[in-house]
Amino acid sequence: MSYFSNSYVIGLTVAAGIGGLLFGYDTGVISGALLYIKDEFEVVNQSSFLQETIVSMALVGAIIGAAAGGWINDAYGRKKATLLADVVFAAGSVVMAAAPDPYVLILGRLFVGLGVGIASVTAPVYIAEASPSEVRGGLVSTNVLMITGGQFLSYLVNLAFTEVPGTWRWMLGVSGVPAVVQFCIMLCLPESPRWLFMKNNKDKAIAILSKIYDIARLEDEIENLSVAEEEERQKRNDVKISDVFKSKEIRLAFLAGAGLQAFQQFTGINTVMYYSPTIVQMAGFRSNQLALLLSLIVAAMNAAGTVLGIYLIDHFGRKKLALSSLAGVIASLVVLAGAFFGKSSGSSNELFGWIAVLGLALYIAFFSPGMGPVPWTVNSEIYPEQYRGICGGMSATVNWVSNLIVAETFLSVAEAVGTGWTFVILACIAVLAVVFVTLRTNAVKDARFDHASSSST
């Protein structure tokens, strides 16, 4: 049986993945909207800090949402967590669109971030728990495809509204539409079968599992869930954060998972996605429309690379994919740094501007198939059932905190040391990431890091 051809499994995956679309759309749309927000509010145009705050306040909300998301998932289920994320996100999009000043806009960004943070924990777990193990990596990576697809969609929307009155308000307001769509769809979809089983709603869980597996495989899955339930019953029902660090096995798994999330951000992906049009303008292309168009090409490559990653992650292995991705990221950041060093020397500005655009495109081409999906996939797999919610929430929080640090400092660091040196710093961090992936994943006794697929549930 080909589980990629199972329309029920694909339907659950796509519906849950709309949470990733919200994440991606918000990441991309603010990069274009910021150009026009600066035009409307002079105080924003004159302050790099205020620009960084408008971008990064969503990340503050995401940190809170991700931190609470693990508990919400474990206590109330994946479905209710998704519905809550949609309501909060939609409310935030309305506030942003109607904002009379930058400070109300920042409040709307906070609400949107809360929704994105909850969704960032929920979507990978829901997909993983409704996915057969042999295609789980690919299906969880579909959530990352939705993120990159949302980024591409946001640049299309940005371009569509460049000549419309109230430009940035439309860009930000439209973001509520996918949240409303997902809310309506999720009302008709089931809860995660694993969560139902662990909450002693076994009949409903088995009914859902029977739509995912054939009869022979269904019996194995029920047996596996029964074993997992018994193991959980023998341990404390209320897992605390401190418990994660008491067990060496769980501690090492969390450090590996959280470290991957941190390096995903500190190697600069959302610097590129949040500030892509700004970087293009720094490279010498001053037109807003041209900056958005060139950024759209970068976003398209991001989505295409993620499609490649969906295939590679279950055939090439998590660790090899991450390392090869990081090698390309390092080379691309060196190209970007060289372009800005060349531009600052004053020679052939247009040539170095195009080299910078090439560097952005190469960066995305290498990052998106590997370091895009690998951290999320690994974190959906490596924790025991009773720790999955809390560890997933904690690692997602690490991702958002790292994201916040990068987003809140990029423009300031570029002003302080120069854009070229900023990309050199990111390249050095990517080298550290290679060392981390090599050493830390070796310390975790889990074959998924090294091999293409796993039968673990």
Protein backbone atom coordinates (compact mmCIF):
# COMPACT_ATOMS: atom_id res chain seq x y z
CA MET A 1 0.00 0.00 0.00
CA SER A 2 1.30 3.44 -0.92
CA TYR A 3 0.52 5.73 1.96
CA PHE A 4 1.35 8.79 -0.14
CA SER A 5 -1.65 7.75 -2.30
CA ASN A 6 -3.97 7.45 0.71
CA SER A 7 -6.26 10.46 0.28
CA TYR A 8 -7.32 10.35 3.95
CA VAL A 9 -3.73 10.62 5.20
CA ILE A 10 -2.92 13.34 2.67
CA GLY A 11 -6.10 15.23 3.64
CA LEU A 12 -5.17 15.23 7.33
CA THR A 13 -1.63 16.31 6.48
CA VAL A 14 -2.66 19.22 4.25
CA ALA A 15 -5.34 20.44 6.67
CA ALA A 16 -2.93 20.43 9.62
CA GLY A 17 -0.24 21.94 7.40
CA ILE A 18 -2.28 25.11 6.94
CA GLY A 19 -0.80 26.02 10.32
CA GLY A 20 2.55 26.04 8.55
CA LEU A 21 1.04 28.21 5.82
CA LEU A 22 0.12 30.80 8.48
CA PHE A 23 3.70 30.70 9.76
CA GLY A 24 5.16 31.11 6.28
CA TYR A 25 2.75 33.81 5.14
CA ASP A 26 3.43 35.93 8.21
CA THR A 27 7.20 35.48 7.77
CA GLY A 28 7.11 36.63 4.16
CA VAL A 29 4.37 39.25 4.18
CA ILE A 30 5.97 41.47 6.80
CA SER A 31 9.13 41.75 4.70
CA GLY A 32 7.17 43.44 1.91
CA ALA A 33 4.68 45.27 4.09
CA LEU A 34 7.55 46.86 6.03
CA LEU A 35 8.61 48.79 2.91
CA TYR A 36 5.21 50.52 2.82
CA ILE A 37 4.79 50.84 6.59
CA LYS A 38 8.00 52.91 6.52
CA ASP A 39 6.46 55.10 3.80
CA GLU A 40 3.31 55.73 5.86
CA PHE A 41 4.85 56.20 9.30
CA GLU A 42 7.89 58.50 9.35
CA VAL A 43 8.74 57.43 12.91
CA VAL A 44 9.19 53.86 11.62
CA ASN A 45 11.29 55.00 8.66
CA GLN A 46 13.68 56.80 11.01
CA SER A 47 14.13 53.93 13.48
CA SER A 48 15.77 50.58 12.73
CA PHE A 49 14.77 49.47 16.23
CA LEU A 50 11.07 50.15 15.54
CA GLN A 51 11.32 48.29 12.23
CA GLU A 52 12.91 45.32 14.01
CA THR A 53 10.22 45.45 16.71
CA ILE A 54 7.38 45.40 14.16
CA VAL A 55 8.97 42.33 12.60
CA SER A 56 9.94 40.56 15.80
CA MET A 57 6.91 41.22 18.01
CA ALA A 58 5.22 38.32 16.23
CA LEU A 59 8.14 36.22 17.43
CA VAL A 60 7.56 37.31 21.03
CA GLY A 61 4.00 36.05 20.66
CA ALA A 62 5.25 32.87 19.00
CA ILE A 63 7.58 32.18 21.94
CA ILE A 64 4.65 32.43 24.36
CA GLY A 65 2.40 30.41 22.04
CA ALA A 66 4.97 27.66 21.54
CA ALA A 67 5.74 27.49 25.27
CA ALA A 68 2.04 27.07 26.06
CA GLY A 69 1.37 24.96 22.97
CA GLY A 70 2.91 21.76 24.33
CA TRP A 71 0.70 21.86 27.42
CA ILE A 72 -2.40 22.76 25.39
CA ASN A 73 -1.72 19.85 23.03
CA ASP A 74 -1.32 17.35 25.83
CA ALA A 75 -4.26 18.59 27.90
CA TYR A 76 -6.87 19.37 25.23
CA GLY A 77 -5.66 17.60 22.11
CA ARG A 78 -4.19 18.55 18.78
CA LYS A 79 -7.53 19.52 17.19
CA LYS A 80 -8.57 22.04 19.86
CA ALA A 81 -5.08 23.50 19.90
CA THR A 82 -5.31 24.09 16.14
CA LEU A 83 -8.73 25.73 16.44
CA LEU A 84 -7.44 28.04 19.18
CA ALA A 85 -4.43 29.00 17.05
CA ASP A 86 -6.73 29.89 14.14
CA VAL A 87 -8.97 32.14 16.26
CA VAL A 88 -6.05 34.04 17.78
CA PHE A 89 -4.29 34.43 14.41
CA ALA A 90 -7.41 35.71 12.66
CA ALA A 91 -8.03 38.24 15.43
CA GLY A 92 -4.45 39.47 15.12
CA SER A 93 -4.75 39.93 11.36
CA VAL A 94 -7.81 42.16 11.84
CA VAL A 95 -5.98 44.29 14.42
CA MET A 96 -2.98 44.70 12.10
CA ALA A 97 -5.11 45.70 9.11
CA ALA A 98 -6.98 48.34 11.12
CA ALA A 99 -3.98 49.68 13.09
CA PRO A 100 -4.04 53.51 13.28
CA ASP A 101 -0.40 53.73 14.39
CA PRO A 102 2.73 51.55 14.65
CA TYR A 103 2.01 50.63 18.26
CA VAL A 104 -1.41 49.07 17.60
CA LEU A 105 0.22 47.31 14.66
CA ILE A 106 2.78 45.87 17.07
CA LEU A 107 -0.08 44.61 19.29
CA GLY A 108 -1.64 42.86 16.28
CA ARG A 109 1.73 41.30 15.50
CA LEU A 110 1.78 39.91 19.06
CA PHE A 111 -1.60 38.19 18.59
CA VAL A 112 -0.60 36.76 15.22
CA GLY A 113 2.56 35.40 16.82
CA LEU A 114 0.59 33.66 19.57
CA GLY A 115 -1.40 31.79 16.92
CA VAL A 116 1.69 30.90 14.90
CA GLY A 117 3.50 29.66 18.03
CA ILE A 118 0.70 27.28 18.99
CA ALA A 119 0.42 26.05 15.40
CA SER A 120 4.19 25.48 15.14
CA VAL A 121 3.97 22.92 17.94
CA THR A 122 0.67 21.37 16.92
CA ALA A 123 0.95 20.80 13.17
CA PRO A 124 4.11 18.60 13.13
CA VAL A 125 2.83 16.48 16.02
CA TYR A 126 -0.65 16.02 14.50
CA ILE A 127 0.86 15.04 11.15
CA ALA A 128 3.41 12.68 12.73
CA GLU A 129 0.76 10.93 14.81
CA ALA A 130 -1.50 10.41 11.80
CA SER A 131 1.34 9.24 9.51
CA PRO A 132 2.69 5.75 8.79
CA SER A 133 6.30 5.62 9.97
CA GLU A 134 7.79 4.83 6.54
CA VAL A 135 6.54 8.14 5.06
CA ARG A 136 6.42 10.17 8.27
CA GLY A 137 9.48 12.25 7.44
CA GLY A 138 8.05 13.23 4.09
CA LEU A 139 4.62 14.05 5.48
CA VAL A 140 5.98 16.10 8.38
CA SER A 141 8.14 17.88 5.83
CA THR A 142 4.92 18.75 4.02
CA ASN A 143 4.31 21.13 6.91
CA VAL A 144 7.61 22.83 6.04
CA LEU A 145 6.47 22.92 2.39
CA MET A 146 3.36 24.74 3.58
CA ILE A 147 5.62 27.22 5.41
CA THR A 148 7.67 27.90 2.30
CA GLY A 149 4.52 27.90 0.18
CA GLY A 150 3.06 30.49 2.52
CA GLN A 151 6.18 32.62 2.09
CA PHE A 152 5.87 32.39 -1.70
CA LEU A 153 2.16 33.24 -1.50
CA SER A 154 2.93 36.26 0.67
CA TYR A 155 5.28 37.70 -1.95
CA LEU A 156 2.62 37.20 -4.64
CA VAL A 157 0.11 39.01 -2.42
CA ASN A 158 2.65 41.75 -1.74
CA LEU A 159 3.15 42.30 -5.47
CA ALA A 160 -0.62 42.22 -6.09
CA PHE A 161 -1.26 45.02 -3.61
CA THR A 162 1.66 47.31 -4.48
CA GLU A 163 -0.61 49.73 -6.39
CA VAL A 164 -3.70 49.38 -4.18
CA PRO A 165 -4.56 52.12 -1.63
CA GLY A 166 -3.82 50.93 1.91
CA THR A 167 -1.15 48.62 0.50
CA TRP A 168 0.32 47.13 3.68
CA ARG A 169 -3.08 46.88 5.40
CA TRP A 170 -4.34 44.56 2.67
CA MET A 171 -1.11 42.56 2.78
CA LEU A 172 -1.45 41.93 6.51
CA GLY A 173 -5.25 41.62 6.63
CA VAL A 174 -5.43 38.88 4.00
CA SER A 175 -3.37 36.67 6.32
CA GLY A 176 -6.54 35.93 8.33
CA VAL A 177 -8.14 34.07 5.41
CA PRO A 178 -6.12 30.81 5.70
CA ALA A 179 -6.79 30.77 9.47
CA VAL A 180 -10.55 30.95 8.87
CA VAL A 181 -10.29 28.25 6.19
CA GLN A 182 -8.35 25.92 8.48
CA PHE A 183 -10.78 26.54 11.35
CA CYS A 184 -13.72 25.44 9.19
CA ILE A 185 -11.89 22.37 7.87
CA MET A 186 -10.62 21.25 11.29
CA LEU A 187 -14.16 21.27 12.69
CA CYS A 188 -14.82 18.33 10.34
CA LEU A 189 -11.58 16.43 10.99
CA PRO A 190 -10.78 13.95 13.79
CA GLU A 191 -8.48 14.30 16.75
CA SER A 192 -5.06 12.64 16.59
CA PRO A 193 -5.59 8.87 16.95
CA ARG A 194 -2.57 8.54 19.24
CA TRP A 195 -3.86 11.26 21.57
CA LEU A 196 -7.32 9.64 21.65
CA PHE A 197 -5.79 6.25 22.43
CA MET A 198 -3.71 7.63 25.26
CA LYS A 199 -6.82 9.34 26.66
CA ASN A 200 -8.67 5.98 26.70
CA ASN A 201 -10.94 6.86 23.78
CA LYS A 202 -9.76 3.72 22.02
CA ASP A 203 -12.80 2.98 19.87
CA LYS A 204 -12.64 6.34 18.16
CA ALA A 205 -8.85 6.05 17.79
CA ILE A 206 -9.13 2.63 16.15
CA ALA A 207 -11.83 3.91 13.79
CA ILE A 208 -9.45 6.64 12.60
CA LEU A 209 -6.46 4.28 12.37
CA SER A 210 -8.51 1.89 10.21
CA LYS A 211 -8.71 4.62 7.57
CA ILE A 212 -4.92 4.98 7.60
CA TYR A 213 -3.75 1.34 7.67
CA ASP A 214 -4.81 -1.94 6.12
CA ILE A 215 -6.08 -4.70 8.42
CA ALA A 216 -2.74 -6.48 8.95
CA ARG A 217 -0.88 -3.27 9.73
CA LEU A 218 -3.74 -1.97 11.88
CA GLU A 219 -3.28 -4.77 14.39
CA ASP A 220 0.43 -3.94 14.73
CA GLU A 221 -0.31 -0.26 15.28
CA ILE A 222 -2.89 -1.00 17.97
CA GLU A 223 -0.38 -3.29 19.69
CA ASN A 224 2.29 -0.60 19.55
CA LEU A 225 -0.09 1.95 21.03
CA SER A 226 -1.07 -0.46 23.78
CA VAL A 227 2.59 -0.96 24.71
CA ALA A 228 3.17 2.80 24.70
CA GLU A 229 0.10 3.32 26.87
CA GLU A 230 1.30 0.75 29.41
CA GLU A 231 4.75 2.35 29.56
CA GLU A 232 3.15 5.73 30.12
CA ARG A 233 0.87 4.39 32.86
CA GLN A 234 3.90 3.17 34.77
CA LYS A 235 5.30 6.67 34.84
CA ARG A 236 3.89 9.83 36.32
CA ASN A 237 0.98 11.24 34.34
CA ASP A 238 2.02 14.85 34.87
CA VAL A 239 5.36 15.31 33.15
CA LYS A 240 7.18 18.42 34.33
CA ILE A 241 9.91 20.36 32.58
CA SER A 242 12.38 19.25 35.25
CA ASP A 243 11.65 15.61 34.36
CA VAL A 244 13.11 16.16 30.90
CA PHE A 245 16.56 16.76 32.39
CA LYS A 246 16.48 13.92 34.96
CA SER A 247 16.68 11.15 32.36
CA LYS A 248 19.92 11.05 30.36
CA GLU A 249 18.13 9.61 27.32
CA ILE A 250 15.46 12.33 27.26
CA ARG A 251 17.97 15.06 28.10
CA LEU A 252 20.24 14.11 25.19
CA ALA A 253 17.28 13.86 22.83
CA PHE A 254 16.01 17.29 23.87
CA LEU A 255 19.44 18.90 23.56
CA ALA A 256 19.78 17.45 20.05
CA GLY A 257 16.28 18.54 19.03
CA ALA A 258 16.49 22.00 20.57
CA GLY A 259 20.01 22.52 19.22
CA LEU A 260 18.83 21.77 15.68
CA GLN A 261 16.01 24.30 16.11
CA ALA A 262 18.43 26.96 17.38
CA PHE A 263 20.94 26.44 14.57
CA GLN A 264 18.14 26.53 12.01
CA GLN A 265 17.54 30.14 13.03
CA PHE A 266 21.08 31.28 13.85
CA THR A 267 22.28 30.25 10.41
CA GLY A 268 20.10 33.08 9.15
CA ILE A 269 17.04 31.66 7.39
CA ASN A 270 14.57 34.18 8.76
CA THR A 271 17.05 37.01 8.37
CA VAL A 272 16.71 36.20 4.67
CA MET A 273 12.93 35.72 4.76
CA TYR A 274 12.02 38.70 6.97
CA TYR A 275 14.43 41.12 5.35
CA SER A 276 14.85 39.73 1.83
CA PRO A 277 13.48 42.86 0.06
CA THR A 278 15.50 45.06 2.43
CA ILE A 279 18.66 43.07 1.69
CA VAL A 280 17.97 43.42 -2.04
CA GLN A 281 17.65 47.18 -1.56
CA MET A 282 20.87 47.21 0.48
CA ALA A 283 22.49 45.51 -2.53
CA GLY A 284 21.58 48.51 -4.68
CA PHE A 285 18.08 47.78 -6.11
CA ARG A 286 16.07 50.70 -4.71
CA SER A 287 12.65 50.11 -6.29
CA ASN A 288 10.11 48.51 -3.91
CA GLN A 289 8.51 46.57 -6.77
CA LEU A 290 11.85 45.24 -8.07
CA ALA A 291 12.92 44.29 -4.54
CA LEU A 292 9.66 42.37 -4.07
CA LEU A 293 9.98 40.69 -7.48
CA LEU A 294 13.54 39.49 -6.82
CA SER A 295 12.46 38.32 -3.36
CA LEU A 296 9.59 36.41 -4.97
CA ILE A 297 12.13 34.44 -7.01
CA VAL A 298 14.01 33.61 -3.81
CA ALA A 299 10.75 32.49 -2.16
CA ALA A 300 9.91 30.29 -5.17
CA MET A 301 13.28 28.56 -4.84
CA ASN A 302 12.55 28.03 -1.14
CA ALA A 303 9.31 26.21 -1.94
CA ALA A 304 10.93 24.17 -4.72
CA GLY A 305 13.81 23.16 -2.44
CA THR A 306 11.36 22.00 0.21
CA VAL A 307 9.67 19.71 -2.31
CA LEU A 308 13.09 18.15 -2.94
CA GLY A 309 13.58 17.81 0.81
CA ILE A 310 10.31 15.87 1.17
CA TYR A 311 11.77 13.21 -1.12
CA LEU A 312 15.30 13.25 0.29
CA ILE A 313 14.51 13.13 4.00
CA ASP A 314 13.19 9.55 3.90
CA HIS A 315 15.72 8.36 1.32
CA PHE A 316 18.90 10.20 2.24
CA GLY A 317 18.60 10.34 6.03
CA ARG A 318 18.23 13.22 8.46
CA LYS A 319 21.87 13.66 9.42
CA LYS A 320 23.37 13.48 5.91
CA LEU A 321 20.72 15.86 4.64
CA ALA A 322 21.42 18.39 7.40
CA LEU A 323 25.20 18.28 6.89
CA SER A 324 25.05 18.64 3.10
CA SER A 325 22.57 21.50 3.51
CA LEU A 326 24.86 23.31 5.96
CA ALA A 327 27.85 22.95 3.64
CA GLY A 328 25.96 24.78 0.91
CA VAL A 329 24.69 27.38 3.38
CA ILE A 330 28.26 28.22 4.42
CA ALA A 331 29.36 28.67 0.81
CA SER A 332 26.33 30.84 0.03
CA LEU A 333 26.89 33.10 3.03
CA VAL A 334 30.49 33.59 1.91
CA VAL A 335 29.21 34.67 -1.52
CA LEU A 336 26.78 37.11 0.13
CA ALA A 337 29.51 38.52 2.35
CA GLY A 338 31.82 38.92 -0.63
CA ALA A 339 29.13 40.76 -2.60
CA PHE A 340 28.61 43.31 0.14
CA PHE A 341 32.34 43.72 0.75
CA GLY A 342 32.72 44.37 -2.99
CA LYS A 343 29.82 46.82 -3.00
CA SER A 344 31.28 48.75 -0.05
CA SER A 345 34.56 49.11 -1.96
CA GLY A 346 32.68 51.22 -4.49
CA SER A 347 33.56 49.18 -7.57
CA SER A 348 30.87 47.96 -10.01
CA ASN A 349 27.93 48.30 -7.62
CA GLU A 350 25.44 46.76 -10.07
CA LEU A 351 27.60 43.66 -10.55
CA PHE A 352 27.95 43.09 -6.83
CA GLY A 353 24.22 43.71 -6.41
CA TRP A 354 23.48 40.80 -8.74
CA ILE A 355 26.08 38.66 -6.94
CA ALA A 356 24.21 39.38 -3.70
CA VAL A 357 20.93 38.25 -5.29
CA LEU A 358 22.72 35.11 -6.53
CA GLY A 359 24.00 34.50 -3.00
CA LEU A 360 20.45 34.78 -1.60
CA ALA A 361 19.17 32.31 -4.21
CA LEU A 362 21.99 29.83 -3.50
CA TYR A 363 21.42 30.16 0.24
CA ILE A 364 17.75 29.23 -0.13
CA ALA A 365 18.54 26.44 -2.61
CA PHE A 366 20.83 24.75 -0.08
CA PHE A 367 18.92 25.55 3.11
CA SER A 368 15.39 24.59 2.12
CA PRO A 369 15.83 20.84 1.36
CA GLY A 370 17.83 20.16 4.55
CA MET A 371 17.92 22.54 7.48
CA GLY A 372 14.36 23.60 6.67
CA PRO A 373 12.57 20.28 7.34
CA VAL A 374 15.15 18.29 9.37
CA PRO A 375 14.77 20.06 12.76
CA TRP A 376 10.97 19.83 12.72
CA THR A 377 10.96 16.21 11.54
CA VAL A 378 13.52 15.09 14.13
CA ASN A 379 11.61 16.81 16.93
CA SER A 380 8.38 15.07 15.94
CA GLU A 381 10.09 11.65 16.16
CA ILE A 382 12.72 11.36 18.89
CA TYR A 383 10.73 11.82 22.11
CA PRO A 384 8.74 9.11 23.93
CA GLU A 385 4.97 9.64 23.85
CA GLN A 386 4.65 11.08 27.35
CA TYR A 387 7.37 13.65 26.62
CA ARG A 388 6.35 14.49 23.07
CA GLY A 389 4.13 17.46 23.85
CA ILE A 390 6.35 19.12 26.42
CA CYS A 391 9.64 18.50 24.58
CA GLY A 392 8.10 19.55 21.28
CA GLY A 393 6.84 22.74 22.89
CA MET A 394 10.18 23.47 24.53
CA SER A 395 12.16 22.90 21.34
CA ALA A 396 9.73 25.03 19.32
CA THR A 397 10.18 27.74 21.96
CA VAL A 398 13.95 27.53 21.43
CA ASN A 399 13.31 28.00 17.71
CA TRP A 400 11.21 31.10 18.28
CA VAL A 401 13.59 32.63 20.84
CA SER A 402 16.46 32.14 18.38
CA ASN A 403 14.30 33.57 15.61
CA LEU A 404 13.53 36.62 17.77
CA ILE A 405 17.20 37.26 18.52
CA VAL A 406 18.12 37.15 14.85
CA ALA A 407 15.17 39.28 13.67
CA GLU A 408 15.62 41.89 16.40
CA THR A 409 19.34 42.33 15.79
CA PHE A 410 19.99 41.91 12.05
CA LEU A 411 19.53 45.53 10.97
CA SER A 412 21.33 46.86 14.05
CA VAL A 413 24.29 44.50 13.59
CA ALA A 414 24.44 45.37 9.88
CA GLU A 415 24.54 49.07 10.78
CA ALA A 416 27.22 48.48 13.43
CA VAL A 417 29.68 46.19 11.62
CA GLY A 418 28.48 46.25 8.00
CA THR A 419 26.29 43.86 6.03
CA GLY A 420 29.28 41.87 4.75
CA TRP A 421 30.59 41.11 8.24
CA THR A 422 27.06 40.24 9.37
CA PHE A 423 26.96 37.44 6.79
CA VAL A 424 30.46 36.34 7.85
CA ILE A 425 29.14 35.93 11.40
CA LEU A 426 26.24 33.81 10.11
CA ALA A 427 28.70 31.67 8.12
CA CYS A 428 30.77 31.05 11.26
CA ILE A 429 27.63 29.98 13.11
CA ALA A 430 26.85 27.56 10.26
CA VAL A 431 30.32 26.01 10.74
CA LEU A 432 29.47 25.49 14.43
CA ALA A 433 26.20 23.91 13.32
CA VAL A 434 28.13 21.33 11.29
CA VAL A 435 30.15 20.43 14.40
CA PHE A 436 26.96 20.23 16.49
CA VAL A 437 25.09 17.98 14.04
CA THR A 438 28.11 15.68 13.79
CA LEU A 439 28.74 15.35 17.53
CA ARG A 440 25.34 15.79 19.18
CA THR A 441 23.41 13.43 16.93
CA ASN A 442 26.07 10.78 17.52
CA ALA A 443 25.27 11.05 21.24
CA VAL A 444 21.58 10.25 20.69
CA LYS A 445 20.86 6.58 20.21
CA ASP A 446 18.27 6.96 17.48
CA ALA A 447 18.76 5.50 14.02
CA ARG A 448 16.61 8.17 12.38
CA PHE A 449 19.54 10.56 12.41
CA ASP A 450 21.65 8.33 10.24
CA HIS A 451 19.32 6.15 8.19
CA ALA A 452 16.69 6.87 5.64
CA SER A 453 13.60 5.55 7.36
CA SER A 454 12.38 4.03 10.58
CA SER A 455 9.59 1.82 11.74
CA SER A 456 9.35 3.40 15.12
CA THR A 457 5.99 4.67 16.22
